[in-house]
Amino acid sequence: MTRGNQRERDRERAQSRSTNKGGKGKDDGLTPEQRRERDAKALQEKAAKKAAQAAPGGTSAGGKGDNKK
């Protein structure tokens, strides 16, 4: 059974995927130390946001054991 031009199309698709890769990657222009600082700051902000969200509400209404019949 012959595959026709499927191999060629697959190669083209693979090449276009590798050249169009963007977004997150190791090549963001930051040193490892700068990257650690950036990530630590993001984690602190996330934790602060979660703590602020949990503090005023207390316990959530959808917790376990609330469904008494």
N, C-alpha and C. Protein backbone atom coordinates (compact mmCIF):
# COMPACT_ATOMS: atom_id res chain seq x y z
N MET A 1 0.84 -1.18 0.00
CA MET A 1 0.00 0.00 0.00
C MET A 1 0.89 1.25 0.00
N THR A 2 0.62 2.16 -0.89
CA THR A 2 1.43 3.36 -0.98
C THR A 2 0.78 4.50 -0.21
N ARG A 3 1.61 5.38 0.25
CA ARG A 3 1.10 6.47 1.07
C ARG A 3 0.94 7.77 0.29
N GLY A 4 1.32 7.79 -0.95
CA GLY A 4 1.16 9.01 -1.73
C GLY A 4 2.02 10.13 -1.20
N ASN A 5 1.43 11.30 -1.07
CA ASN A 5 2.19 12.46 -0.60
C ASN A 5 2.00 12.70 0.90
N GLN A 6 1.49 11.72 1.61
CA GLN A 6 1.23 11.90 3.04
C GLN A 6 2.51 12.20 3.81
N ARG A 7 3.60 11.53 3.44
CA ARG A 7 4.88 11.78 4.14
C ARG A 7 5.32 13.22 3.94
N GLU A 8 5.19 13.69 2.72
CA GLU A 8 5.59 15.08 2.45
C GLU A 8 4.73 16.05 3.25
N ARG A 9 3.43 15.81 3.28
CA ARG A 9 2.54 16.70 4.04
C ARG A 9 2.88 16.66 5.53
N ASP A 10 3.18 15.46 6.05
CA ASP A 10 3.54 15.35 7.46
C ASP A 10 4.83 16.10 7.76
N ARG A 11 5.79 16.01 6.85
CA ARG A 11 7.05 16.74 7.06
C ARG A 11 6.81 18.25 7.06
N GLU A 12 5.99 18.72 6.14
CA GLU A 12 5.67 20.15 6.08
C GLU A 12 4.98 20.61 7.35
N ARG A 13 4.02 19.80 7.82
CA ARG A 13 3.30 20.16 9.05
C ARG A 13 4.25 20.20 10.24
N ALA A 14 5.14 19.22 10.32
CA ALA A 14 6.09 19.16 11.43
C ALA A 14 7.02 20.37 11.40
N GLN A 15 7.47 20.74 10.22
CA GLN A 15 8.36 21.88 10.11
C GLN A 15 7.64 23.17 10.46
N SER A 16 6.39 23.32 10.02
CA SER A 16 5.66 24.54 10.33
C SER A 16 5.39 24.63 11.83
N ARG A 17 5.14 23.48 12.48
CA ARG A 17 4.93 23.49 13.93
C ARG A 17 6.19 23.91 14.66
N SER A 18 7.35 23.44 14.19
CA SER A 18 8.59 23.77 14.89
C SER A 18 8.99 25.23 14.67
N THR A 19 8.69 25.80 13.50
CA THR A 19 9.06 27.19 13.25
C THR A 19 8.07 28.16 13.88
N ASN A 20 6.82 27.75 14.05
CA ASN A 20 5.81 28.63 14.62
C ASN A 20 5.74 28.55 16.13
N LYS A 21 6.62 27.79 16.75
CA LYS A 21 6.56 27.66 18.21
C LYS A 21 6.86 29.02 18.82
N GLY A 22 5.97 29.44 19.67
CA GLY A 22 6.14 30.71 20.34
C GLY A 22 5.72 30.57 21.77
N GLY A 23 5.41 31.67 22.41
CA GLY A 23 4.93 31.61 23.78
C GLY A 23 6.05 31.28 24.74
N LYS A 24 5.77 30.40 25.66
CA LYS A 24 6.74 30.06 26.69
C LYS A 24 7.86 29.20 26.11
N GLY A 25 9.03 29.48 26.55
CA GLY A 25 10.16 28.69 26.13
C GLY A 25 11.37 29.05 26.96
N LYS A 26 12.42 28.34 26.77
CA LYS A 26 13.64 28.61 27.52
C LYS A 26 14.30 29.91 27.05
N ASP A 27 13.98 30.35 25.86
CA ASP A 27 14.64 31.52 25.28
C ASP A 27 13.82 32.78 25.55
N ASP A 28 13.60 33.11 26.83
CA ASP A 28 12.84 34.31 27.15
C ASP A 28 13.76 35.48 27.51
N GLY A 29 15.07 35.30 27.36
CA GLY A 29 16.01 36.37 27.59
C GLY A 29 16.31 36.62 29.06
N LEU A 30 15.92 35.72 29.94
CA LEU A 30 16.16 35.90 31.36
C LEU A 30 17.21 34.92 31.84
N THR A 31 17.96 35.36 32.84
CA THR A 31 18.90 34.45 33.47
C THR A 31 18.11 33.56 34.42
N PRO A 32 18.67 32.44 34.83
CA PRO A 32 17.95 31.58 35.77
C PRO A 32 17.57 32.30 37.06
N GLU A 33 18.42 33.19 37.53
CA GLU A 33 18.11 33.94 38.76
C GLU A 33 16.92 34.87 38.53
N GLN A 34 16.88 35.56 37.40
CA GLN A 34 15.76 36.45 37.09
C GLN A 34 14.47 35.65 36.95
N ARG A 35 14.58 34.48 36.34
CA ARG A 35 13.40 33.63 36.17
C ARG A 35 12.86 33.18 37.52
N ARG A 36 13.77 32.79 38.45
CA ARG A 36 13.35 32.38 39.79
C ARG A 36 12.65 33.53 40.52
N GLU A 37 13.20 34.75 40.40
CA GLU A 37 12.58 35.90 41.05
C GLU A 37 11.19 36.17 40.48
N ARG A 38 11.06 36.09 39.17
CA ARG A 38 9.77 36.31 38.52
C ARG A 38 8.75 35.27 38.97
N ASP A 39 9.18 34.02 39.00
CA ASP A 39 8.27 32.94 39.40
C ASP A 39 7.89 33.05 40.87
N ALA A 40 8.85 33.42 41.73
CA ALA A 40 8.56 33.57 43.16
C ALA A 40 7.55 34.69 43.38
N LYS A 41 7.72 35.79 42.65
CA LYS A 41 6.79 36.91 42.78
C LYS A 41 5.39 36.50 42.33
N ALA A 42 5.30 35.76 41.25
CA ALA A 42 4.00 35.30 40.76
C ALA A 42 3.33 34.38 41.77
N LEU A 43 4.12 33.49 42.40
CA LEU A 43 3.56 32.58 43.40
C LEU A 43 3.08 33.34 44.64
N GLN A 44 3.83 34.36 45.05
CA GLN A 44 3.42 35.16 46.20
C GLN A 44 2.12 35.90 45.91
N GLU A 45 2.01 36.45 44.72
CA GLU A 45 0.78 37.16 44.35
C GLU A 45 -0.41 36.20 44.31
N LYS A 46 -0.17 35.01 43.80
CA LYS A 46 -1.23 34.01 43.73
C LYS A 46 -1.68 33.59 45.13
N ALA A 47 -0.71 33.38 46.02
CA ALA A 47 -1.04 32.98 47.39
C ALA A 47 -1.78 34.10 48.11
N ALA A 48 -1.36 35.35 47.90
CA ALA A 48 -2.04 36.48 48.54
C ALA A 48 -3.47 36.62 48.04
N LYS A 49 -3.65 36.41 46.76
CA LYS A 49 -4.99 36.50 46.18
C LYS A 49 -5.90 35.41 46.74
N LYS A 50 -5.35 34.21 46.87
CA LYS A 50 -6.13 33.09 47.39
C LYS A 50 -6.46 33.32 48.86
N ALA A 51 -5.52 33.85 49.64
CA ALA A 51 -5.75 34.12 51.06
C ALA A 51 -6.81 35.21 51.22
N ALA A 52 -6.75 36.24 50.40
CA ALA A 52 -7.72 37.32 50.47
C ALA A 52 -9.11 36.83 50.08
N GLN A 53 -9.17 35.90 49.16
CA GLN A 53 -10.44 35.36 48.71
C GLN A 53 -11.05 34.46 49.79
N ALA A 54 -10.22 33.74 50.52
CA ALA A 54 -10.71 32.80 51.53
C ALA A 54 -11.05 33.50 52.85
N ALA A 55 -10.40 34.60 53.17
CA ALA A 55 -10.57 35.25 54.47
C ALA A 55 -11.98 35.81 54.69
N PRO A 56 -12.54 36.64 53.81
CA PRO A 56 -13.84 37.23 54.11
C PRO A 56 -14.99 36.22 54.10
N GLY A 57 -14.90 35.20 53.28
CA GLY A 57 -16.00 34.25 53.16
C GLY A 57 -16.00 33.19 54.24
N GLY A 58 -14.89 32.96 54.88
CA GLY A 58 -14.82 31.89 55.86
C GLY A 58 -14.81 30.55 55.17
N THR A 59 -15.76 29.67 55.53
CA THR A 59 -15.83 28.36 54.88
C THR A 59 -16.74 28.44 53.67
N SER A 60 -16.51 27.59 52.72
CA SER A 60 -17.34 27.61 51.53
C SER A 60 -18.66 26.89 51.79
N ALA A 61 -19.68 27.27 51.07
CA ALA A 61 -21.02 26.70 51.27
C ALA A 61 -21.12 25.29 50.72
N GLY A 62 -20.24 24.92 49.81
CA GLY A 62 -20.31 23.61 49.18
C GLY A 62 -19.39 22.59 49.82
N GLY A 63 -19.07 22.74 51.07
CA GLY A 63 -18.15 21.81 51.73
C GLY A 63 -18.78 20.47 52.02
N LYS A 64 -17.98 19.55 52.52
CA LYS A 64 -18.46 18.21 52.83
C LYS A 64 -19.30 18.24 54.09
N GLY A 65 -20.31 17.44 54.15
CA GLY A 65 -21.13 17.31 55.34
C GLY A 65 -22.27 18.32 55.44
N ASP A 66 -22.45 19.14 54.44
CA ASP A 66 -23.52 20.14 54.50
C ASP A 66 -24.85 19.61 54.00
N ASN A 67 -24.86 18.43 53.40
CA ASN A 67 -26.08 17.90 52.79
C ASN A 67 -26.81 16.99 53.76
N LYS A 68 -27.39 17.50 54.80
CA LYS A 68 -28.13 16.66 55.75
C LYS A 68 -29.56 16.50 55.27
N LYS A 69 -30.06 15.27 55.33
CA LYS A 69 -31.42 15.00 54.84
C LYS A 69 -32.35 14.70 55.97
